Amino acid sequence: MSAGKPCVAAAVGGVPEVISDGLNGLLVPPGSLEALVRAIRWILEHPFEARRLGQEARKRVALQFDVRDMVHQYLRSTGTWP
């Protein structure tokens, strides 16, 4: 996502909290090879929409997963940040 590429991932664990299906990537059901193939094929067949997904993915990372912000949040949560 930080590279601005469209992502295809299984909707497991915390993945759906990061990837919003159709907004900044594509989610597929876990264990569904057919869905995975369809999603990858869609990315390849729709380059403009895929580029948009990648751009939105990059924005999401920049806004919510900046390393400095994550470190500051961690330090605040542990009480070690002034």
PDB file of N, CA and C in Angstrom:
ATOM      1  N   MET A   1       0.820  -1.184   0.000  1.00  0.00           N
ATOM      2  CA  MET A   1       0.000   0.000   0.000  1.00  0.00           C
ATOM      3  C   MET A   1       0.867   1.252   0.000  1.00  0.00           C
ATOM      4  N   SER A   2       1.954   1.232   0.745  1.00  0.00           N
ATOM      5  CA  SER A   2       2.810   2.424   0.801  1.00  0.00           C
ATOM      6  C   SER A   2       3.477   2.698  -0.538  1.00  0.00           C
ATOM      7  N   ALA A   3       3.558   1.699  -1.398  1.00  0.00           N
ATOM      8  CA  ALA A   3       4.139   1.882  -2.730  1.00  0.00           C
ATOM      9  C   ALA A   3       3.096   2.377  -3.730  1.00  0.00           C
ATOM     10  N   GLY A   4       1.860   2.543  -3.293  1.00  0.00           N
ATOM     11  CA  GLY A   4       0.822   3.035  -4.181  1.00  0.00           C
ATOM     12  C   GLY A   4       0.327   2.003  -5.170  1.00  0.00           C
ATOM     13  N   LYS A   5       0.471   0.750  -4.828  1.00  0.00           N
ATOM     14  CA  LYS A   5       0.022  -0.342  -5.701  1.00  0.00           C
ATOM     15  C   LYS A   5      -1.301  -0.897  -5.180  1.00  0.00           C
ATOM     16  N   PRO A   6      -2.161  -1.345  -6.076  1.00  0.00           N
ATOM     17  CA  PRO A   6      -3.420  -1.931  -5.614  1.00  0.00           C
ATOM     18  C   PRO A   6      -3.160  -3.252  -4.895  1.00  0.00           C
ATOM     19  N   CYS A   7      -3.859  -3.457  -3.815  1.00  0.00           N
ATOM     20  CA  CYS A   7      -3.666  -4.660  -3.009  1.00  0.00           C
ATOM     21  C   CYS A   7      -4.854  -5.590  -3.143  1.00  0.00           C
ATOM     22  N   VAL A   8      -4.559  -6.864  -3.146  1.00  0.00           N
ATOM     23  CA  VAL A   8      -5.575  -7.909  -3.078  1.00  0.00           C
ATOM     24  C   VAL A   8      -5.206  -8.740  -1.861  1.00  0.00           C
ATOM     25  N   ALA A   9      -6.153  -8.899  -0.935  1.00  0.00           N
ATOM     26  CA  ALA A   9      -5.852  -9.621   0.300  1.00  0.00           C
ATOM     27  C   ALA A   9      -7.072 -10.392   0.773  1.00  0.00           C
ATOM     28  N   ALA A  10      -6.818 -11.399   1.565  1.00  0.00           N
ATOM     29  CA  ALA A  10      -7.908 -12.161   2.187  1.00  0.00           C
ATOM     30  C   ALA A  10      -8.488 -11.358   3.342  1.00  0.00           C
ATOM     31  N   ALA A  11      -9.782 -11.400   3.476  1.00  0.00           N
ATOM     32  CA  ALA A  11     -10.478 -10.669   4.533  1.00  0.00           C
ATOM     33  C   ALA A  11     -10.401 -11.454   5.836  1.00  0.00           C
ATOM     34  N   VAL A  12      -9.226 -11.428   6.453  1.00  0.00           N
ATOM     35  CA  VAL A  12      -8.996 -12.141   7.709  1.00  0.00           C
ATOM     36  C   VAL A  12      -8.347 -11.204   8.712  1.00  0.00           C
ATOM     37  N   GLY A  13      -8.496 -11.529   9.976  1.00  0.00           N
ATOM     38  CA  GLY A  13      -7.838 -10.763  11.027  1.00  0.00           C
ATOM     39  C   GLY A  13      -8.129  -9.275  10.917  1.00  0.00           C
ATOM     40  N   GLY A  14      -7.066  -8.482  11.027  1.00  0.00           N
ATOM     41  CA  GLY A  14      -7.196  -7.035  10.977  1.00  0.00           C
ATOM     42  C   GLY A  14      -7.138  -6.454   9.576  1.00  0.00           C
ATOM     43  N   VAL A  15      -7.011  -7.296   8.571  1.00  0.00           N
ATOM     44  CA  VAL A  15      -6.886  -6.808   7.191  1.00  0.00           C
ATOM     45  C   VAL A  15      -8.062  -5.910   6.795  1.00  0.00           C
ATOM     46  N   PRO A  16      -9.319  -6.272   7.084  1.00  0.00           N
ATOM     47  CA  PRO A  16     -10.424  -5.399   6.697  1.00  0.00           C
ATOM     48  C   PRO A  16     -10.420  -4.037   7.409  1.00  0.00           C
ATOM     49  N   GLU A  17      -9.664  -3.914   8.481  1.00  0.00           N
ATOM     50  CA  GLU A  17      -9.530  -2.616   9.141  1.00  0.00           C
ATOM     51  C   GLU A  17      -8.608  -1.690   8.358  1.00  0.00           C
ATOM     52  N   VAL A  18      -7.769  -2.261   7.519  1.00  0.00           N
ATOM     53  CA  VAL A  18      -6.797  -1.487   6.748  1.00  0.00           C
ATOM     54  C   VAL A  18      -7.249  -1.325   5.304  1.00  0.00           C
ATOM     55  N   ILE A  19      -7.732  -2.401   4.716  1.00  0.00           N
ATOM     56  CA  ILE A  19      -8.166  -2.364   3.323  1.00  0.00           C
ATOM     57  C   ILE A  19      -9.683  -2.309   3.272  1.00  0.00           C
ATOM     58  N   SER A  20     -10.191  -1.274   2.634  1.00  0.00           N
ATOM     59  CA  SER A  20     -11.629  -1.140   2.409  1.00  0.00           C
ATOM     60  C   SER A  20     -11.912  -1.621   0.994  1.00  0.00           C
ATOM     61  N   ASP A  21     -12.641  -2.715   0.881  1.00  0.00           N
ATOM     62  CA  ASP A  21     -12.881  -3.351  -0.411  1.00  0.00           C
ATOM     63  C   ASP A  21     -13.458  -2.360  -1.420  1.00  0.00           C
ATOM     64  N   GLY A  22     -12.758  -2.227  -2.541  1.00  0.00           N
ATOM     65  CA  GLY A  22     -13.204  -1.343  -3.610  1.00  0.00           C
ATOM     66  C   GLY A  22     -12.787   0.095  -3.438  1.00  0.00           C
ATOM     67  N   LEU A  23     -12.278   0.450  -2.270  1.00  0.00           N
ATOM     68  CA  LEU A  23     -11.840   1.823  -2.035  1.00  0.00           C
ATOM     69  C   LEU A  23     -10.327   1.944  -2.147  1.00  0.00           C
ATOM     70  N   ASN A  24      -9.598   1.087  -1.425  1.00  0.00           N
ATOM     71  CA  ASN A  24      -8.136   1.159  -1.477  1.00  0.00           C
ATOM     72  C   ASN A  24      -7.500  -0.219  -1.689  1.00  0.00           C
ATOM     73  N   GLY A  25      -8.289  -1.146  -2.143  1.00  0.00           N
ATOM     74  CA  GLY A  25      -7.814  -2.491  -2.421  1.00  0.00           C
ATOM     75  C   GLY A  25      -8.993  -3.411  -2.646  1.00  0.00           C
ATOM     76  N   LEU A  26      -8.707  -4.676  -2.796  1.00  0.00           N
ATOM     77  CA  LEU A  26      -9.757  -5.667  -2.983  1.00  0.00           C
ATOM     78  C   LEU A  26      -9.606  -6.754  -1.937  1.00  0.00           C
ATOM     79  N   LEU A  27     -10.716  -7.118  -1.323  1.00  0.00           N
ATOM     80  CA  LEU A  27     -10.726  -8.194  -0.331  1.00  0.00           C
ATOM     81  C   LEU A  27     -11.407  -9.416  -0.928  1.00  0.00           C
ATOM     82  N   VAL A  28     -10.869 -10.564  -0.605  1.00  0.00           N
ATOM     83  CA  VAL A  28     -11.448 -11.828  -1.056  1.00  0.00           C
ATOM     84  C   VAL A  28     -11.674 -12.714   0.152  1.00  0.00           C
ATOM     85  N   PRO A  29     -12.621 -13.626   0.059  1.00  0.00           N
ATOM     86  CA  PRO A  29     -12.842 -14.552   1.180  1.00  0.00           C
ATOM     87  C   PRO A  29     -11.616 -15.434   1.395  1.00  0.00           C
ATOM     88  N   PRO A  30     -11.294 -15.713   2.644  1.00  0.00           N
ATOM     89  CA  PRO A  30     -10.143 -16.581   2.905  1.00  0.00           C
ATOM     90  C   PRO A  30     -10.354 -17.966   2.308  1.00  0.00           C
ATOM     91  N   GLY A  31      -9.307 -18.485   1.707  1.00  0.00           N
ATOM     92  CA  GLY A  31      -9.341 -19.824   1.154  1.00  0.00           C
ATOM     93  C   GLY A  31      -9.981 -19.942  -0.217  1.00  0.00           C
ATOM     94  N   SER A  32     -10.428 -18.830  -0.785  1.00  0.00           N
ATOM     95  CA  SER A  32     -11.096 -18.894  -2.087  1.00  0.00           C
ATOM     96  C   SER A  32     -10.118 -18.556  -3.207  1.00  0.00           C
ATOM     97  N   LEU A  33      -9.552 -19.585  -3.786  1.00  0.00           N
ATOM     98  CA  LEU A  33      -8.632 -19.382  -4.896  1.00  0.00           C
ATOM     99  C   LEU A  33      -9.340 -18.721  -6.076  1.00  0.00           C
ATOM    100  N   GLU A  34     -10.588 -19.094  -6.314  1.00  0.00           N
ATOM    101  CA  GLU A  34     -11.350 -18.518  -7.423  1.00  0.00           C
ATOM    102  C   GLU A  34     -11.531 -17.013  -7.247  1.00  0.00           C
ATOM    103  N   ALA A  35     -11.859 -16.589  -6.041  1.00  0.00           N
ATOM    104  CA  ALA A  35     -12.035 -15.157  -5.782  1.00  0.00           C
ATOM    105  C   ALA A  35     -10.713 -14.414  -5.929  1.00  0.00           C
ATOM    106  N   LEU A  36      -9.636 -15.030  -5.487  1.00  0.00           N
ATOM    107  CA  LEU A  36      -8.316 -14.420  -5.619  1.00  0.00           C
ATOM    108  C   LEU A  36      -7.956 -14.229  -7.091  1.00  0.00           C
ATOM    109  N   VAL A  37      -8.190 -15.250  -7.890  1.00  0.00           N
ATOM    110  CA  VAL A  37      -7.908 -15.164  -9.322  1.00  0.00           C
ATOM    111  C   VAL A  37      -8.758 -14.067  -9.960  1.00  0.00           C
ATOM    112  N   ARG A  38     -10.050 -14.015  -9.623  1.00  0.00           N
ATOM    113  CA  ARG A  38     -10.933 -12.975 -10.179  1.00  0.00           C
ATOM    114  C   ARG A  38     -10.439 -11.577  -9.814  1.00  0.00           C
ATOM    115  N   ALA A  39     -10.033 -11.388  -8.574  1.00  0.00           N
ATOM    116  CA  ALA A  39      -9.575 -10.071  -8.128  1.00  0.00           C
ATOM    117  C   ALA A  39      -8.285  -9.659  -8.836  1.00  0.00           C
ATOM    118  N   ILE A  40      -7.348 -10.564  -8.961  1.00  0.00           N
ATOM    119  CA  ILE A  40      -6.089 -10.249  -9.651  1.00  0.00           C
ATOM    120  C   ILE A  40      -6.362  -9.977 -11.124  1.00  0.00           C
ATOM    121  N   ARG A  41      -7.223 -10.767 -11.719  1.00  0.00           N
ATOM    122  CA  ARG A  41      -7.583 -10.545 -13.129  1.00  0.00           C
ATOM    123  C   ARG A  41      -8.230  -9.169 -13.293  1.00  0.00           C
ATOM    124  N   TRP A  42      -9.102  -8.797 -12.367  1.00  0.00           N
ATOM    125  CA  TRP A  42      -9.765  -7.491 -12.431  1.00  0.00           C
ATOM    126  C   TRP A  42      -8.720  -6.369 -12.389  1.00  0.00           C
ATOM    127  N   ILE A  43      -7.760  -6.488 -11.492  1.00  0.00           N
ATOM    128  CA  ILE A  43      -6.678  -5.492 -11.397  1.00  0.00           C
ATOM    129  C   ILE A  43      -5.962  -5.371 -12.745  1.00  0.00           C
ATOM    130  N   LEU A  44      -5.649  -6.482 -13.349  1.00  0.00           N
ATOM    131  CA  LEU A  44      -4.916  -6.470 -14.616  1.00  0.00           C
ATOM    132  C   LEU A  44      -5.754  -5.935 -15.772  1.00  0.00           C
ATOM    133  N   GLU A  45      -7.048  -6.169 -15.740  1.00  0.00           N
ATOM    134  CA  GLU A  45      -7.919  -5.763 -16.840  1.00  0.00           C
ATOM    135  C   GLU A  45      -8.456  -4.338 -16.702  1.00  0.00           C
ATOM    136  N   HIS A  46      -8.279  -3.726 -15.540  1.00  0.00           N
ATOM    137  CA  HIS A  46      -8.797  -2.374 -15.284  1.00  0.00           C
ATOM    138  C   HIS A  46      -7.675  -1.478 -14.749  1.00  0.00           C
ATOM    139  N   PRO A  47      -6.721  -1.116 -15.591  1.00  0.00           N
ATOM    140  CA  PRO A  47      -5.545  -0.381 -15.113  1.00  0.00           C
ATOM    141  C   PRO A  47      -5.854   0.988 -14.502  1.00  0.00           C
ATOM    142  N   PHE A  48      -6.844   1.697 -15.007  1.00  0.00           N
ATOM    143  CA  PHE A  48      -7.144   3.019 -14.451  1.00  0.00           C
ATOM    144  C   PHE A  48      -7.762   2.904 -13.064  1.00  0.00           C
ATOM    145  N   GLU A  49      -8.702   1.970 -12.929  1.00  0.00           N
ATOM    146  CA  GLU A  49      -9.309   1.752 -11.619  1.00  0.00           C
ATOM    147  C   GLU A  49      -8.285   1.182 -10.633  1.00  0.00           C
ATOM    148  N   ALA A  50      -7.413   0.317 -11.133  1.00  0.00           N
ATOM    149  CA  ALA A  50      -6.359  -0.241 -10.280  1.00  0.00           C
ATOM    150  C   ALA A  50      -5.430   0.855  -9.790  1.00  0.00           C
ATOM    151  N   ARG A  51      -5.103   1.786 -10.664  1.00  0.00           N
ATOM    152  CA  ARG A  51      -4.250   2.917 -10.256  1.00  0.00           C
ATOM    153  C   ARG A  51      -4.933   3.740  -9.172  1.00  0.00           C
ATOM    154  N   ARG A  52      -6.241   3.942  -9.320  1.00  0.00           N
ATOM    155  CA  ARG A  52      -6.989   4.688  -8.302  1.00  0.00           C
ATOM    156  C   ARG A  52      -6.942   3.959  -6.959  1.00  0.00           C
ATOM    157  N   LEU A  53      -7.127   2.629  -6.980  1.00  0.00           N
ATOM    158  CA  LEU A  53      -7.031   1.849  -5.742  1.00  0.00           C
ATOM    159  C   LEU A  53      -5.660   2.042  -5.097  1.00  0.00           C
ATOM    160  N   GLY A  54      -4.615   1.989  -5.908  1.00  0.00           N
ATOM    161  CA  GLY A  54      -3.262   2.172  -5.398  1.00  0.00           C
ATOM    162  C   GLY A  54      -3.045   3.546  -4.802  1.00  0.00           C
ATOM    163  N   GLN A  55      -3.589   4.567  -5.456  1.00  0.00           N
ATOM    164  CA  GLN A  55      -3.450   5.931  -4.937  1.00  0.00           C
ATOM    165  C   GLN A  55      -4.168   6.080  -3.602  1.00  0.00           C
ATOM    166  N   GLU A  56      -5.351   5.497  -3.509  1.00  0.00           N
ATOM    167  CA  GLU A  56      -6.095   5.559  -2.251  1.00  0.00           C
ATOM    168  C   GLU A  56      -5.387   4.759  -1.157  1.00  0.00           C
ATOM    169  N   ALA A  57      -4.770   3.649  -1.534  1.00  0.00           N
ATOM    170  CA  ALA A  57      -4.018   2.852  -0.565  1.00  0.00           C
ATOM    171  C   ALA A  57      -2.858   3.669  -0.001  1.00  0.00           C
ATOM    172  N   ARG A  58      -2.150   4.356  -0.875  1.00  0.00           N
ATOM    173  CA  ARG A  58      -1.024   5.197  -0.450  1.00  0.00           C
ATOM    174  C   ARG A  58      -1.494   6.285   0.509  1.00  0.00           C
ATOM    175  N   LYS A  59      -2.623   6.914   0.195  1.00  0.00           N
ATOM    176  CA  LYS A  59      -3.171   7.951   1.081  1.00  0.00           C
ATOM    177  C   LYS A  59      -3.482   7.378   2.461  1.00  0.00           C
ATOM    178  N   ARG A  60      -4.074   6.186   2.472  1.00  0.00           N
ATOM    179  CA  ARG A  60      -4.445   5.555   3.747  1.00  0.00           C
ATOM    180  C   ARG A  60      -3.217   5.319   4.618  1.00  0.00           C
ATOM    181  N   VAL A  61      -2.159   4.810   4.009  1.00  0.00           N
ATOM    182  CA  VAL A  61      -0.928   4.565   4.753  1.00  0.00           C
ATOM    183  C   VAL A  61      -0.347   5.868   5.272  1.00  0.00           C
ATOM    184  N   ALA A  62      -0.298   6.869   4.416  1.00  0.00           N
ATOM    185  CA  ALA A  62       0.289   8.150   4.814  1.00  0.00           C
ATOM    186  C   ALA A  62      -0.491   8.794   5.959  1.00  0.00           C
ATOM    187  N   LEU A  63      -1.817   8.662   5.935  1.00  0.00           N
ATOM    188  CA  LEU A  63      -2.644   9.298   6.960  1.00  0.00           C
ATOM    189  C   LEU A  63      -2.688   8.527   8.269  1.00  0.00           C
ATOM    190  N   GLN A  64      -2.675   7.194   8.197  1.00  0.00           N
ATOM    191  CA  GLN A  64      -2.919   6.432   9.409  1.00  0.00           C
ATOM    192  C   GLN A  64      -1.786   5.535   9.872  1.00  0.00           C
ATOM    193  N   PHE A  65      -0.758   5.386   9.070  1.00  0.00           N
ATOM    194  CA  PHE A  65       0.289   4.453   9.452  1.00  0.00           C
ATOM    195  C   PHE A  65       1.676   5.056   9.322  1.00  0.00           C
ATOM    196  N   ASP A  66       1.779   6.359   9.548  1.00  0.00           N
ATOM    197  CA  ASP A  66       3.079   7.004   9.544  1.00  0.00           C
ATOM    198  C   ASP A  66       3.899   6.461  10.725  1.00  0.00           C
ATOM    199  N   VAL A  67       5.111   6.041  10.468  1.00  0.00           N
ATOM    200  CA  VAL A  67       5.941   5.406  11.498  1.00  0.00           C
ATOM    201  C   VAL A  67       6.153   6.345  12.682  1.00  0.00           C
ATOM    202  N   ARG A  68       6.421   7.602  12.427  1.00  0.00           N
ATOM    203  CA  ARG A  68       6.645   8.544  13.539  1.00  0.00           C
ATOM    204  C   ARG A  68       5.408   8.655  14.417  1.00  0.00           C
ATOM    205  N   ASP A  69       4.239   8.756  13.785  1.00  0.00           N
ATOM    206  CA  ASP A  69       3.003   8.840  14.558  1.00  0.00           C
ATOM    207  C   ASP A  69       2.769   7.573  15.364  1.00  0.00           C
ATOM    208  N   MET A  70       3.055   6.429  14.762  1.00  0.00           N
ATOM    209  CA  MET A  70       2.853   5.166  15.468  1.00  0.00           C
ATOM    210  C   MET A  70       3.787   5.067  16.673  1.00  0.00           C
ATOM    211  N   VAL A  71       5.026   5.503  16.531  1.00  0.00           N
ATOM    212  CA  VAL A  71       5.972   5.483  17.652  1.00  0.00           C
ATOM    213  C   VAL A  71       5.496   6.415  18.754  1.00  0.00           C
ATOM    214  N   HIS A  72       5.068   7.616  18.369  1.00  0.00           N
ATOM    215  CA  HIS A  72       4.573   8.565  19.376  1.00  0.00           C
ATOM    216  C   HIS A  72       3.359   8.000  20.110  1.00  0.00           C
ATOM    217  N   GLN A  73       2.429   7.402  19.374  1.00  0.00           N
ATOM    218  CA  GLN A  73       1.251   6.814  20.005  1.00  0.00           C
ATOM    219  C   GLN A  73       1.644   5.691  20.962  1.00  0.00           C
ATOM    220  N   TYR A  74       2.602   4.879  20.546  1.00  0.00           N
ATOM    221  CA  TYR A  74       3.059   3.788  21.410  1.00  0.00           C
ATOM    222  C   TYR A  74       3.694   4.341  22.683  1.00  0.00           C
ATOM    223  N   LEU A  75       4.564   5.316  22.525  1.00  0.00           N
ATOM    224  CA  LEU A  75       5.238   5.879  23.692  1.00  0.00           C
ATOM    225  C   LEU A  75       4.245   6.551  24.628  1.00  0.00           C
ATOM    226  N   ARG A  76       3.253   7.223  24.071  1.00  0.00           N
ATOM    227  CA  ARG A  76       2.221   7.838  24.917  1.00  0.00           C
ATOM    228  C   ARG A  76       1.445   6.769  25.677  1.00  0.00           C
ATOM    229  N   SER A  77       1.124   5.666  24.977  1.00  0.00           N
ATOM    230  CA  SER A  77       0.314   4.627  25.619  1.00  0.00           C
ATOM    231  C   SER A  77       1.089   3.906  26.740  1.00  0.00           C
ATOM    232  N   THR A  78       2.410   3.910  26.658  1.00  0.00           N
ATOM    233  CA  THR A  78       3.204   3.250  27.694  1.00  0.00           C
ATOM    234  C   THR A  78       3.627   4.214  28.791  1.00  0.00           C
ATOM    235  N   GLY A  79       3.285   5.487  28.626  1.00  0.00           N
ATOM    236  CA  GLY A  79       3.639   6.485  29.628  1.00  0.00           C
ATOM    237  C   GLY A  79       5.092   6.916  29.568  1.00  0.00           C
ATOM    238  N   THR A  80       5.799   6.618  28.490  1.00  0.00           N
ATOM    239  CA  THR A  80       7.208   6.994  28.381  1.00  0.00           C
ATOM    240  C   THR A  80       7.416   8.238  27.511  1.00  0.00           C
ATOM    241  N   TRP A  81       6.323   8.804  27.019  1.00  0.00           N
ATOM    242  CA  TRP A  81       6.418  10.019  26.199  1.00  0.00           C
ATOM    243  C   TRP A  81       6.152  11.213  27.086  1.00  0.00           C
ATOM    244  N   PRO A  82       6.989  12.219  27.004  1.00  0.00           N
ATOM    245  CA  PRO A  82       6.794  13.399  27.889  1.00  0.00           C
ATOM    246  C   PRO A  82       5.479  14.104  27.674  1.00  0.00           C
TER     247      PRO A  82
END
